[in-house]
């Protein structure tokens, strides 16, 4: 379900919208037993409910959460998928939302079944500050990497285009990689003198 305006919802619904997983424990016969709830959906209007799944040892229930005063939140069993001997009757509990540091905590009492049960405590999986910081950090890193790669590719493309333009206009020409590629059209010069040339060049001078 898409929520049109989260800020306009009651506080407890806002917290359920932001934090979908809550973990904690309930007390049964004086012993602590682990449990958790997972928020499936939150209705926007004040009279609407939130739908959650309650999970404990060998137990899986669907529950509706609602509040008449936006302070006390009642959870009432709606469907049973699996259960143990603890939950022999319709399961209900009432809690209040209590901020503790950077996390939110649901603290209250189990009202049904009336015997053997006492308190229940559930804590949000992570704090809102941590959630927002993580999202912003991930977005910043992703943008930095993406922009760097994009600029690198643009530089390569621009360099190739400039090189091709320079060659086409004659500003850049092919240069041979080895002197072996050069040829002298006049041929090799000879510095050998024949004997006749040497004799002819000898001139006797008489004084």
N, C-alpha and C. Protein backbone atom coordinates (compact mmCIF):
# COMPACT_ATOMS: atom_id res chain seq x y z
N UNK A 1 0.85 -1.20 0.00
CA UNK A 1 0.00 0.00 0.00
C UNK A 1 0.88 1.25 0.00
N UNK A 2 0.58 2.22 -0.82
CA UNK A 2 1.36 3.44 -0.90
C UNK A 2 0.77 4.46 0.06
N UNK A 3 1.59 4.99 0.95
CA UNK A 3 1.13 5.97 1.91
C UNK A 3 1.29 7.36 1.30
N UNK A 4 0.18 8.14 1.27
CA UNK A 4 0.21 9.45 0.62
C UNK A 4 0.96 10.46 1.47
N UNK A 5 0.72 10.48 2.79
CA UNK A 5 1.33 11.48 3.65
C UNK A 5 1.67 10.83 4.99
N UNK A 6 2.88 10.37 5.12
CA UNK A 6 3.30 9.69 6.35
C UNK A 6 3.31 10.65 7.52
N UNK A 7 3.72 11.90 7.29
CA UNK A 7 3.83 12.87 8.38
C UNK A 7 2.48 13.17 9.02
N UNK A 8 1.39 12.99 8.29
CA UNK A 8 0.06 13.30 8.82
C UNK A 8 -0.51 12.15 9.65
N UNK A 9 0.13 11.01 9.66
CA UNK A 9 -0.39 9.86 10.40
C UNK A 9 -0.05 9.99 11.88
N UNK A 10 -0.77 9.28 12.76
CA UNK A 10 -0.41 9.24 14.17
C UNK A 10 1.01 8.70 14.36
N UNK A 11 1.63 9.08 15.46
CA UNK A 11 3.03 8.74 15.68
C UNK A 11 3.28 7.24 15.62
N UNK A 12 2.39 6.45 16.23
CA UNK A 12 2.65 5.01 16.28
C UNK A 12 2.59 4.41 14.88
N UNK A 13 1.71 4.93 14.03
CA UNK A 13 1.66 4.44 12.65
C UNK A 13 2.89 4.87 11.86
N UNK A 14 3.35 6.09 12.14
CA UNK A 14 4.57 6.56 11.47
C UNK A 14 5.74 5.66 11.80
N UNK A 15 5.85 5.27 13.08
CA UNK A 15 6.95 4.39 13.48
C UNK A 15 6.80 3.01 12.84
N UNK A 16 5.58 2.52 12.75
CA UNK A 16 5.36 1.22 12.11
C UNK A 16 5.66 1.29 10.61
N UNK A 17 5.43 2.46 10.03
CA UNK A 17 5.73 2.61 8.60
C UNK A 17 7.23 2.59 8.35
N UNK A 18 7.99 3.25 9.22
CA UNK A 18 9.44 3.32 9.04
C UNK A 18 10.15 2.05 9.50
N UNK A 19 9.67 1.45 10.57
CA UNK A 19 10.34 0.28 11.14
C UNK A 19 9.41 -0.92 11.06
N UNK A 20 9.72 -1.83 10.17
CA UNK A 20 8.82 -2.96 9.89
C UNK A 20 9.09 -4.17 10.78
N UNK A 21 10.27 -4.28 11.35
CA UNK A 21 10.62 -5.47 12.14
C UNK A 21 10.92 -5.07 13.59
N UNK A 22 10.26 -5.76 14.51
CA UNK A 22 10.42 -5.52 15.94
C UNK A 22 10.69 -6.86 16.62
N UNK A 23 11.67 -6.88 17.49
CA UNK A 23 12.05 -8.12 18.18
C UNK A 23 12.09 -7.89 19.68
N UNK A 24 11.78 -8.94 20.43
CA UNK A 24 11.81 -8.83 21.88
C UNK A 24 11.44 -10.13 22.55
N UNK A 25 10.65 -10.04 23.62
CA UNK A 25 10.28 -11.24 24.38
C UNK A 25 8.98 -11.00 25.13
N UNK A 26 8.36 -12.09 25.51
CA UNK A 26 7.17 -12.03 26.37
C UNK A 26 7.42 -12.94 27.57
N UNK A 27 6.74 -12.66 28.67
CA UNK A 27 6.91 -13.43 29.90
C UNK A 27 5.74 -14.41 30.05
N UNK A 28 6.10 -15.67 30.28
CA UNK A 28 5.10 -16.73 30.47
C UNK A 28 5.57 -17.61 31.62
N UNK A 29 4.76 -17.72 32.66
CA UNK A 29 5.13 -18.47 33.87
C UNK A 29 6.46 -17.97 34.44
N UNK A 30 6.68 -16.68 34.36
CA UNK A 30 7.89 -16.09 34.92
C UNK A 30 9.14 -16.29 34.08
N UNK A 31 9.02 -16.89 32.92
CA UNK A 31 10.17 -17.11 32.03
C UNK A 31 10.04 -16.27 30.77
N UNK A 32 11.19 -15.82 30.27
CA UNK A 32 11.22 -14.99 29.07
C UNK A 32 11.27 -15.86 27.81
N UNK A 33 10.45 -15.53 26.84
CA UNK A 33 10.41 -16.27 25.57
C UNK A 33 10.56 -15.28 24.41
N UNK A 34 11.42 -15.57 23.46
CA UNK A 34 11.63 -14.64 22.34
C UNK A 34 10.41 -14.58 21.42
N UNK A 35 10.19 -13.41 20.85
CA UNK A 35 9.10 -13.22 19.89
C UNK A 35 9.43 -12.02 19.01
N UNK A 36 8.65 -11.86 17.97
CA UNK A 36 8.87 -10.72 17.06
C UNK A 36 7.58 -10.42 16.32
N UNK A 37 7.49 -9.20 15.80
CA UNK A 37 6.38 -8.85 14.91
C UNK A 37 6.97 -8.24 13.64
N UNK A 38 6.28 -8.49 12.53
CA UNK A 38 6.66 -7.90 11.24
C UNK A 38 5.45 -7.14 10.71
N UNK A 39 5.61 -5.85 10.48
CA UNK A 39 4.51 -5.02 10.00
C UNK A 39 4.30 -5.28 8.51
N UNK A 40 3.10 -5.70 8.15
CA UNK A 40 2.78 -6.00 6.76
C UNK A 40 2.27 -4.77 6.01
N UNK A 41 1.39 -4.01 6.62
CA UNK A 41 0.86 -2.80 5.99
C UNK A 41 0.28 -1.88 7.05
N UNK A 42 0.18 -0.60 6.70
CA UNK A 42 -0.34 0.42 7.62
C UNK A 42 -1.38 1.24 6.88
N UNK A 43 -2.60 1.30 7.42
CA UNK A 43 -3.64 2.13 6.82
C UNK A 43 -3.43 3.59 7.21
N UNK A 44 -3.69 4.47 6.26
CA UNK A 44 -3.35 5.88 6.46
C UNK A 44 -4.28 6.61 7.41
N UNK A 45 -5.58 6.36 7.34
CA UNK A 45 -6.53 7.15 8.12
C UNK A 45 -6.44 6.83 9.60
N UNK A 46 -6.93 7.75 10.43
CA UNK A 46 -6.83 7.61 11.89
C UNK A 46 -7.55 6.37 12.40
N UNK A 47 -8.67 6.03 11.78
CA UNK A 47 -9.45 4.89 12.26
C UNK A 47 -8.95 3.56 11.71
N UNK A 48 -8.00 3.61 10.80
CA UNK A 48 -7.48 2.40 10.19
C UNK A 48 -6.56 1.63 11.12
N UNK A 49 -6.18 0.45 10.69
CA UNK A 49 -5.35 -0.42 11.51
C UNK A 49 -4.04 -0.70 10.79
N UNK A 50 -3.15 -1.32 11.53
CA UNK A 50 -1.91 -1.85 10.96
C UNK A 50 -1.99 -3.36 11.04
N UNK A 51 -1.52 -4.03 10.00
CA UNK A 51 -1.55 -5.49 9.96
C UNK A 51 -0.15 -6.02 10.20
N UNK A 52 -0.04 -6.91 11.19
CA UNK A 52 1.28 -7.43 11.56
C UNK A 52 1.22 -8.95 11.67
N UNK A 53 2.39 -9.55 11.60
CA UNK A 53 2.54 -10.99 11.85
C UNK A 53 3.31 -11.16 13.15
N UNK A 54 2.78 -11.97 14.04
CA UNK A 54 3.43 -12.27 15.31
C UNK A 54 4.05 -13.65 15.22
N UNK A 55 5.35 -13.73 15.57
CA UNK A 55 6.07 -15.00 15.48
C UNK A 55 6.75 -15.28 16.81
N UNK A 56 6.54 -16.48 17.32
CA UNK A 56 7.23 -16.97 18.52
C UNK A 56 7.56 -18.44 18.28
N UNK A 57 8.03 -19.13 19.30
CA UNK A 57 8.41 -20.54 19.14
C UNK A 57 7.19 -21.37 18.71
N UNK A 58 7.29 -21.97 17.52
CA UNK A 58 6.22 -22.81 16.96
C UNK A 58 4.89 -22.05 16.84
N UNK A 59 4.97 -20.73 16.71
CA UNK A 59 3.76 -19.93 16.66
C UNK A 59 3.85 -18.88 15.56
N UNK A 60 2.77 -18.79 14.78
CA UNK A 60 2.69 -17.76 13.73
C UNK A 60 1.24 -17.28 13.68
N UNK A 61 1.04 -16.01 14.05
CA UNK A 61 -0.29 -15.42 14.09
C UNK A 61 -0.32 -14.14 13.26
N UNK A 62 -1.46 -13.86 12.66
CA UNK A 62 -1.71 -12.54 12.08
C UNK A 62 -2.51 -11.73 13.08
N UNK A 63 -2.15 -10.45 13.24
CA UNK A 63 -2.81 -9.61 14.22
C UNK A 63 -3.12 -8.24 13.63
N UNK A 64 -4.17 -7.62 14.16
CA UNK A 64 -4.50 -6.23 13.82
C UNK A 64 -4.05 -5.34 14.97
N UNK A 65 -3.44 -4.21 14.62
CA UNK A 65 -3.02 -3.23 15.63
C UNK A 65 -3.81 -1.95 15.43
N UNK A 66 -4.36 -1.42 16.51
CA UNK A 66 -5.13 -0.18 16.41
C UNK A 66 -5.03 0.58 17.73
N UNK A 67 -5.41 1.85 17.69
CA UNK A 67 -5.34 2.68 18.89
C UNK A 67 -6.47 3.70 18.85
N UNK A 68 -7.14 3.86 19.98
CA UNK A 68 -8.24 4.83 20.07
C UNK A 68 -7.75 6.20 20.53
N UNK A 69 -6.60 6.23 21.21
CA UNK A 69 -6.08 7.50 21.72
C UNK A 69 -4.69 7.83 21.18
N UNK A 70 -4.18 6.99 20.27
CA UNK A 70 -2.84 7.16 19.68
C UNK A 70 -1.73 7.09 20.72
N UNK A 71 -2.03 6.49 21.86
CA UNK A 71 -1.02 6.28 22.90
C UNK A 71 -0.91 4.79 23.21
N UNK A 72 -2.03 4.20 23.59
CA UNK A 72 -2.08 2.77 23.86
C UNK A 72 -2.44 2.03 22.57
N UNK A 73 -1.61 1.07 22.21
CA UNK A 73 -1.81 0.31 20.97
C UNK A 73 -2.24 -1.10 21.32
N UNK A 74 -3.36 -1.54 20.81
CA UNK A 74 -3.86 -2.89 21.07
C UNK A 74 -3.59 -3.79 19.87
N UNK A 75 -3.05 -4.97 20.16
CA UNK A 75 -2.83 -6.00 19.14
C UNK A 75 -3.82 -7.14 19.40
N UNK A 76 -4.57 -7.50 18.39
CA UNK A 76 -5.58 -8.55 18.54
C UNK A 76 -5.41 -9.60 17.45
N UNK A 77 -5.45 -10.85 17.88
CA UNK A 77 -5.29 -11.98 16.94
C UNK A 77 -6.37 -11.96 15.87
N UNK A 78 -5.94 -12.17 14.62
CA UNK A 78 -6.86 -12.17 13.49
C UNK A 78 -6.89 -13.51 12.77
N UNK A 79 -5.75 -14.18 12.71
CA UNK A 79 -5.67 -15.48 12.04
C UNK A 79 -4.55 -16.29 12.67
N UNK A 80 -4.72 -17.62 12.66
CA UNK A 80 -3.74 -18.53 13.26
C UNK A 80 -3.20 -19.46 12.18
N UNK A 81 -1.87 -19.49 12.05
CA UNK A 81 -1.23 -20.40 11.10
C UNK A 81 -0.56 -21.57 11.83
N UNK A 82 -0.01 -21.25 12.99
CA UNK A 82 0.61 -22.29 13.82
C UNK A 82 0.69 -21.76 15.25
N UNK A 83 0.52 -22.65 16.22
CA UNK A 83 0.54 -22.19 17.61
C UNK A 83 1.00 -23.31 18.54
N UNK A 84 1.44 -22.92 19.74
CA UNK A 84 1.81 -23.90 20.75
C UNK A 84 0.86 -23.78 21.94
N UNK A 85 1.15 -24.52 23.00
CA UNK A 85 0.22 -24.60 24.12
C UNK A 85 0.10 -23.28 24.89
N UNK A 86 1.06 -22.35 24.69
CA UNK A 86 0.96 -21.06 25.37
C UNK A 86 -0.29 -20.30 24.91
N UNK A 87 -0.57 -20.37 23.63
CA UNK A 87 -1.62 -19.55 23.03
C UNK A 87 -2.88 -20.40 22.80
N UNK A 88 -3.51 -20.76 23.89
CA UNK A 88 -4.69 -21.63 23.82
C UNK A 88 -5.98 -20.84 23.63
N UNK A 89 -5.89 -19.51 23.70
CA UNK A 89 -7.07 -18.66 23.54
C UNK A 89 -6.70 -17.53 22.58
N UNK A 90 -7.67 -16.69 22.27
CA UNK A 90 -7.38 -15.52 21.42
C UNK A 90 -6.28 -14.69 22.08
N UNK A 91 -5.28 -14.34 21.31
CA UNK A 91 -4.11 -13.65 21.84
C UNK A 91 -4.27 -12.14 21.64
N UNK A 92 -4.11 -11.40 22.75
CA UNK A 92 -4.19 -9.95 22.71
C UNK A 92 -3.15 -9.35 23.66
N UNK A 93 -2.61 -8.21 23.28
CA UNK A 93 -1.76 -7.47 24.21
C UNK A 93 -1.86 -5.98 23.90
N UNK A 94 -1.60 -5.18 24.94
CA UNK A 94 -1.68 -3.72 24.85
C UNK A 94 -0.33 -3.14 25.23
N UNK A 95 0.18 -2.24 24.39
CA UNK A 95 1.51 -1.67 24.63
C UNK A 95 1.47 -0.15 24.42
N UNK A 96 2.53 0.49 24.86
CA UNK A 96 2.75 1.90 24.57
C UNK A 96 4.10 2.05 23.89
N UNK A 97 4.19 3.04 23.02
CA UNK A 97 5.43 3.31 22.29
C UNK A 97 6.31 4.22 23.15
N UNK A 98 7.51 3.73 23.49
CA UNK A 98 8.41 4.47 24.38
C UNK A 98 9.76 4.65 23.68
N UNK A 99 10.17 5.89 23.38
CA UNK A 99 11.50 6.11 22.81
C UNK A 99 12.57 5.82 23.86
N UNK A 100 13.59 5.08 23.47
CA UNK A 100 14.72 4.80 24.36
C UNK A 100 16.00 5.03 23.56
N UNK A 101 16.58 6.21 23.76
CA UNK A 101 17.76 6.56 22.98
C UNK A 101 17.38 6.78 21.53
N UNK A 102 18.02 6.04 20.64
CA UNK A 102 17.77 6.18 19.21
C UNK A 102 16.87 5.08 18.66
N UNK A 103 16.30 4.27 19.55
CA UNK A 103 15.40 3.21 19.10
C UNK A 103 14.03 3.41 19.73
N UNK A 104 13.04 2.71 19.19
CA UNK A 104 11.68 2.76 19.71
C UNK A 104 11.35 1.41 20.36
N UNK A 105 10.63 1.45 21.46
CA UNK A 105 10.31 0.24 22.20
C UNK A 105 8.81 0.19 22.48
N UNK A 106 8.22 -0.98 22.27
CA UNK A 106 6.83 -1.24 22.64
C UNK A 106 6.83 -2.02 23.95
N UNK A 107 6.23 -1.46 24.98
CA UNK A 107 6.20 -2.08 26.31
C UNK A 107 4.76 -2.16 26.79
N UNK A 108 4.33 -3.34 27.27
CA UNK A 108 2.97 -3.46 27.77
C UNK A 108 2.68 -4.81 28.37
N UNK A 109 1.39 -5.12 28.45
CA UNK A 109 0.93 -6.35 29.09
C UNK A 109 0.10 -7.19 28.13
N UNK A 110 0.21 -8.50 28.32
CA UNK A 110 -0.63 -9.43 27.57
C UNK A 110 -1.95 -9.58 28.32
N UNK A 111 -3.04 -9.27 27.65
CA UNK A 111 -4.36 -9.28 28.30
C UNK A 111 -5.13 -10.58 28.07
N UNK A 112 -4.84 -11.28 26.99
CA UNK A 112 -5.45 -12.59 26.72
C UNK A 112 -4.42 -13.48 26.04
N UNK A 113 -4.34 -14.73 26.49
CA UNK A 113 -5.03 -15.37 27.62
C UNK A 113 -4.70 -14.67 28.95
N UNK A 114 -5.64 -14.70 29.85
CA UNK A 114 -5.51 -13.94 31.10
C UNK A 114 -4.56 -14.59 32.09
N UNK A 115 -4.36 -15.89 32.01
CA UNK A 115 -3.51 -16.58 33.00
C UNK A 115 -2.14 -16.90 32.41
N UNK A 116 -1.15 -16.93 33.30
CA UNK A 116 0.23 -17.33 32.99
C UNK A 116 1.04 -16.27 32.24
N UNK A 117 0.41 -15.45 31.42
CA UNK A 117 1.14 -14.41 30.71
C UNK A 117 1.27 -13.16 31.58
N UNK A 118 2.30 -12.36 31.30
CA UNK A 118 2.43 -11.08 32.01
C UNK A 118 2.81 -9.96 31.02
N UNK A 119 4.08 -9.67 30.87
CA UNK A 119 4.49 -8.52 30.07
C UNK A 119 5.05 -8.93 28.70
N UNK A 120 5.13 -7.94 27.83
CA UNK A 120 5.74 -8.12 26.51
C UNK A 120 6.54 -6.87 26.18
N UNK A 121 7.67 -7.07 25.55
CA UNK A 121 8.55 -5.95 25.17
C UNK A 121 9.11 -6.20 23.78
N UNK A 122 8.96 -5.23 22.89
CA UNK A 122 9.44 -5.35 21.51
C UNK A 122 10.21 -4.08 21.15
N UNK A 123 11.34 -4.26 20.49
CA UNK A 123 12.21 -3.13 20.13
C UNK A 123 12.39 -3.07 18.63
N UNK A 124 12.40 -1.84 18.10
CA UNK A 124 12.62 -1.68 16.66
C UNK A 124 13.99 -2.22 16.28
N UNK A 125 14.07 -2.77 15.08
CA UNK A 125 15.29 -3.45 14.65
C UNK A 125 16.48 -2.50 14.57
N UNK A 126 16.28 -1.27 14.17
CA UNK A 126 17.36 -0.29 14.10
C UNK A 126 16.79 1.10 14.32
N UNK A 127 17.68 2.04 14.62
CA UNK A 127 17.23 3.39 14.91
C UNK A 127 16.99 4.16 13.63
N UNK A 128 16.16 5.19 13.72
CA UNK A 128 15.87 5.99 12.54
C UNK A 128 17.11 6.73 12.07
N UNK A 129 17.92 7.22 13.03
CA UNK A 129 19.15 7.92 12.64
C UNK A 129 20.07 7.03 11.85
N UNK A 130 20.21 5.77 12.30
CA UNK A 130 21.07 4.82 11.58
C UNK A 130 20.51 4.55 10.20
N UNK A 131 19.19 4.41 10.10
CA UNK A 131 18.57 4.11 8.82
C UNK A 131 18.79 5.24 7.83
N UNK A 132 18.57 6.48 8.26
CA UNK A 132 18.74 7.61 7.36
C UNK A 132 20.19 7.80 6.98
N UNK A 133 21.10 7.63 7.95
CA UNK A 133 22.52 7.80 7.66
C UNK A 133 22.99 6.77 6.65
N UNK A 134 22.55 5.54 6.81
CA UNK A 134 22.94 4.50 5.87
C UNK A 134 22.46 4.79 4.48
N UNK A 135 21.21 5.24 4.33
CA UNK A 135 20.68 5.55 3.00
C UNK A 135 21.43 6.69 2.36
N UNK A 136 21.72 7.75 3.14
CA UNK A 136 22.43 8.90 2.58
C UNK A 136 23.84 8.53 2.19
N UNK A 137 24.50 7.72 3.05
CA UNK A 137 25.87 7.31 2.76
C UNK A 137 25.93 6.47 1.50
N UNK A 138 25.02 5.51 1.37
CA UNK A 138 25.01 4.67 0.17
C UNK A 138 24.76 5.48 -1.09
N UNK A 139 23.85 6.45 -1.00
CA UNK A 139 23.55 7.29 -2.15
C UNK A 139 24.76 8.13 -2.54
N UNK A 140 25.47 8.68 -1.54
CA UNK A 140 26.64 9.51 -1.82
C UNK A 140 27.73 8.70 -2.50
N UNK A 141 27.99 7.50 -1.98
CA UNK A 141 29.03 6.65 -2.58
C UNK A 141 28.65 6.28 -4.00
N UNK A 142 27.39 5.92 -4.21
CA UNK A 142 26.95 5.54 -5.56
C UNK A 142 27.08 6.68 -6.54
N UNK A 143 26.70 7.90 -6.12
CA UNK A 143 26.82 9.06 -7.00
C UNK A 143 28.27 9.36 -7.32
N UNK A 144 29.15 9.28 -6.30
CA UNK A 144 30.56 9.57 -6.53
C UNK A 144 31.17 8.61 -7.54
N UNK A 145 30.90 7.32 -7.38
CA UNK A 145 31.45 6.32 -8.31
C UNK A 145 30.86 6.51 -9.70
N UNK A 146 29.56 6.72 -9.78
CA UNK A 146 28.92 6.88 -11.09
C UNK A 146 29.43 8.10 -11.84
N UNK A 147 29.58 9.24 -11.14
CA UNK A 147 30.07 10.45 -11.79
C UNK A 147 31.51 10.27 -12.26
N UNK A 148 32.35 9.62 -11.43
CA UNK A 148 33.75 9.39 -11.81
C UNK A 148 33.85 8.55 -13.07
N UNK A 149 33.10 7.46 -13.12
CA UNK A 149 33.13 6.59 -14.30
C UNK A 149 32.63 7.33 -15.53
N UNK A 150 31.56 8.11 -15.37
CA UNK A 150 31.00 8.86 -16.50
C UNK A 150 32.02 9.86 -17.05
N UNK A 151 32.68 10.62 -16.17
CA UNK A 151 33.67 11.60 -16.61
C UNK A 151 34.86 10.92 -17.29
N UNK A 152 35.27 9.76 -16.79
CA UNK A 152 36.38 9.03 -17.39
C UNK A 152 36.04 8.62 -18.83
N UNK A 153 34.83 8.12 -19.03
CA UNK A 153 34.40 7.70 -20.38
C UNK A 153 34.31 8.91 -21.30
N UNK A 154 33.78 10.04 -20.79
CA UNK A 154 33.68 11.25 -21.60
C UNK A 154 35.06 11.73 -22.04
N UNK A 155 36.04 11.70 -21.13
CA UNK A 155 37.40 12.13 -21.47
C UNK A 155 38.00 11.26 -22.57
N UNK A 156 37.78 9.94 -22.49
CA UNK A 156 38.31 9.04 -23.52
C UNK A 156 37.68 9.35 -24.87
N UNK A 157 36.38 9.51 -24.91
CA UNK A 157 35.68 9.79 -26.17
C UNK A 157 36.14 11.12 -26.76
N UNK A 158 36.25 12.16 -25.94
CA UNK A 158 36.70 13.46 -26.43
C UNK A 158 38.12 13.38 -26.96
N UNK A 159 39.00 12.65 -26.26
CA UNK A 159 40.38 12.49 -26.73
C UNK A 159 40.45 11.82 -28.09
N UNK A 160 39.66 10.77 -28.28
CA UNK A 160 39.65 10.07 -29.58
C UNK A 160 39.14 10.99 -30.68
N UNK A 161 38.09 11.75 -30.41
CA UNK A 161 37.54 12.67 -31.42
C UNK A 161 38.54 13.75 -31.80
N UNK A 162 39.24 14.30 -30.81
CA UNK A 162 40.25 15.33 -31.09
C UNK A 162 41.38 14.75 -31.92
N UNK A 163 41.83 13.54 -31.60
CA UNK A 163 42.91 12.90 -32.35
C UNK A 163 42.51 12.67 -33.80
N UNK A 164 41.32 12.17 -34.03
CA UNK A 164 40.85 11.93 -35.41
C UNK A 164 40.69 13.24 -36.17
N UNK A 165 40.20 14.27 -35.51
CA UNK A 165 40.06 15.57 -36.16
C UNK A 165 41.41 16.14 -36.55
N UNK A 166 42.40 16.01 -35.67
CA UNK A 166 43.73 16.52 -35.96
C UNK A 166 44.38 15.80 -37.14
N UNK A 167 44.20 14.50 -37.22
CA UNK A 167 44.76 13.73 -38.34
C UNK A 167 44.07 14.12 -39.64
N UNK A 168 42.74 14.28 -39.59
CA UNK A 168 41.99 14.62 -40.80
C UNK A 168 42.39 16.01 -41.32
N UNK A 169 42.65 16.95 -40.42
CA UNK A 169 43.01 18.31 -40.82
C UNK A 169 44.48 18.46 -41.17
N UNK A 170 45.27 17.45 -40.90
CA UNK A 170 46.69 17.52 -41.22
C UNK A 170 47.55 18.07 -40.12
N UNK A 171 46.96 18.36 -38.97
CA UNK A 171 47.77 18.86 -37.86
C UNK A 171 48.62 17.75 -37.25
N UNK A 172 48.15 16.55 -37.36
CA UNK A 172 48.89 15.40 -36.86
C UNK A 172 49.14 14.46 -38.02
N UNK A 173 50.39 14.03 -38.17
CA UNK A 173 50.75 13.13 -39.26
C UNK A 173 51.41 11.89 -38.69
N UNK A 174 51.36 10.85 -39.54
CA UNK A 174 51.97 9.59 -39.12
C UNK A 174 53.48 9.71 -39.12
N UNK A 175 54.12 9.30 -38.07
CA UNK A 175 55.58 9.33 -37.96
C UNK A 175 56.07 7.90 -37.88
N UNK A 176 57.05 7.60 -38.72
CA UNK A 176 57.58 6.23 -38.75
C UNK A 176 58.18 5.87 -37.42
N UNK A 177 58.05 4.63 -37.05
CA UNK A 177 58.54 4.18 -35.76
C UNK A 177 60.02 3.80 -35.80
N UNK A 178 60.61 3.58 -37.01
CA UNK A 178 61.99 3.13 -37.11
C UNK A 178 62.67 3.82 -38.28
N UNK A 179 63.93 4.08 -38.12
CA UNK A 179 64.69 4.72 -39.19
C UNK A 179 64.78 3.83 -40.41
N UNK A 180 64.55 2.53 -40.28
CA UNK A 180 64.61 1.60 -41.41
C UNK A 180 63.53 1.92 -42.43
N UNK A 181 62.55 2.65 -42.07
CA UNK A 181 61.48 2.97 -43.00
C UNK A 181 61.84 4.10 -43.96
N UNK A 182 62.92 4.82 -43.67
CA UNK A 182 63.32 5.94 -44.53
C UNK A 182 64.19 5.44 -45.68
N UNK A 183 64.02 5.99 -46.88
CA UNK A 183 64.82 5.66 -48.07
C UNK A 183 65.30 6.96 -48.70
N UNK A 184 66.61 6.97 -49.09
CA UNK A 184 67.19 8.15 -49.75
C UNK A 184 67.03 7.99 -51.25
N UNK A 185 66.23 8.84 -51.89
CA UNK A 185 66.00 8.69 -53.34
C UNK A 185 67.26 8.93 -54.17
N UNK A 186 68.28 9.62 -53.65
CA UNK A 186 69.51 9.89 -54.40
C UNK A 186 70.51 8.75 -54.32
N UNK A 187 70.24 7.80 -53.53
CA UNK A 187 71.18 6.70 -53.37
C UNK A 187 72.24 7.01 -52.34
N UNK A 188 73.06 6.00 -52.04
CA UNK A 188 74.09 6.17 -51.02
C UNK A 188 75.27 6.94 -51.58
N UNK A 189 75.87 7.79 -50.83
CA UNK A 189 77.05 8.57 -51.25
C UNK A 189 78.30 7.71 -51.14
N UNK A 190 79.25 7.86 -52.13
CA UNK A 190 80.50 7.08 -52.13
C UNK A 190 81.66 8.00 -51.85
N UNK A 191 82.52 7.58 -50.97
CA UNK A 191 83.67 8.38 -50.59
C UNK A 191 84.98 7.71 -51.01
N UNK A 192 84.95 6.70 -51.91
CA UNK A 192 86.16 6.00 -52.38
C UNK A 192 86.78 6.77 -53.55
N UNK A 193 88.11 7.01 -53.53
CA UNK A 193 88.85 7.68 -54.61
C UNK A 193 89.69 6.66 -55.36
N UNK A 194 89.61 6.70 -56.66
CA UNK A 194 90.42 5.77 -57.47
C UNK A 194 91.86 6.24 -57.51
N UNK A 195 92.78 5.33 -57.99
CA UNK A 195 94.20 5.67 -58.06
C UNK A 195 94.46 6.76 -59.08
N UNK A 196 93.68 6.71 -60.18
CA UNK A 196 93.89 7.73 -61.21
C UNK A 196 93.52 9.10 -60.69
N UNK A 197 92.50 9.15 -59.93
CA UNK A 197 92.10 10.43 -59.36
C UNK A 197 93.17 10.93 -58.42
N UNK A 198 93.81 9.97 -57.74
CA UNK A 198 94.84 10.36 -56.78
C UNK A 198 96.06 10.89 -57.51
N UNK A 199 96.45 10.22 -58.63
CA UNK A 199 97.62 10.65 -59.36
C UNK A 199 97.37 12.00 -60.01
N UNK A 200 96.20 12.17 -60.55
CA UNK A 200 95.90 13.43 -61.21
C UNK A 200 95.91 14.59 -60.24
N UNK A 201 95.64 14.26 -59.07
CA UNK A 201 95.59 15.34 -58.09
C UNK A 201 96.96 15.73 -57.58
N UNK A 202 98.01 14.87 -57.89
CA UNK A 202 99.37 15.18 -57.42
C UNK A 202 100.01 16.16 -58.41
N UNK A 203 100.30 17.34 -58.04
CA UNK A 203 100.88 18.38 -58.91
C UNK A 203 102.27 18.74 -58.39
N UNK A 204 103.28 18.67 -59.36
CA UNK A 204 104.65 19.03 -58.96
C UNK A 204 104.80 20.53 -59.06
N UNK A 205 105.34 21.11 -58.04
CA UNK A 205 105.56 22.55 -57.99
C UNK A 205 107.05 22.79 -57.93
N UNK A 206 107.63 23.53 -58.93
CA UNK A 206 109.07 23.85 -58.95
C UNK A 206 109.25 25.32 -58.66
N UNK A 207 110.18 25.59 -57.76
CA UNK A 207 110.50 26.98 -57.43
C UNK A 207 111.88 27.30 -57.99
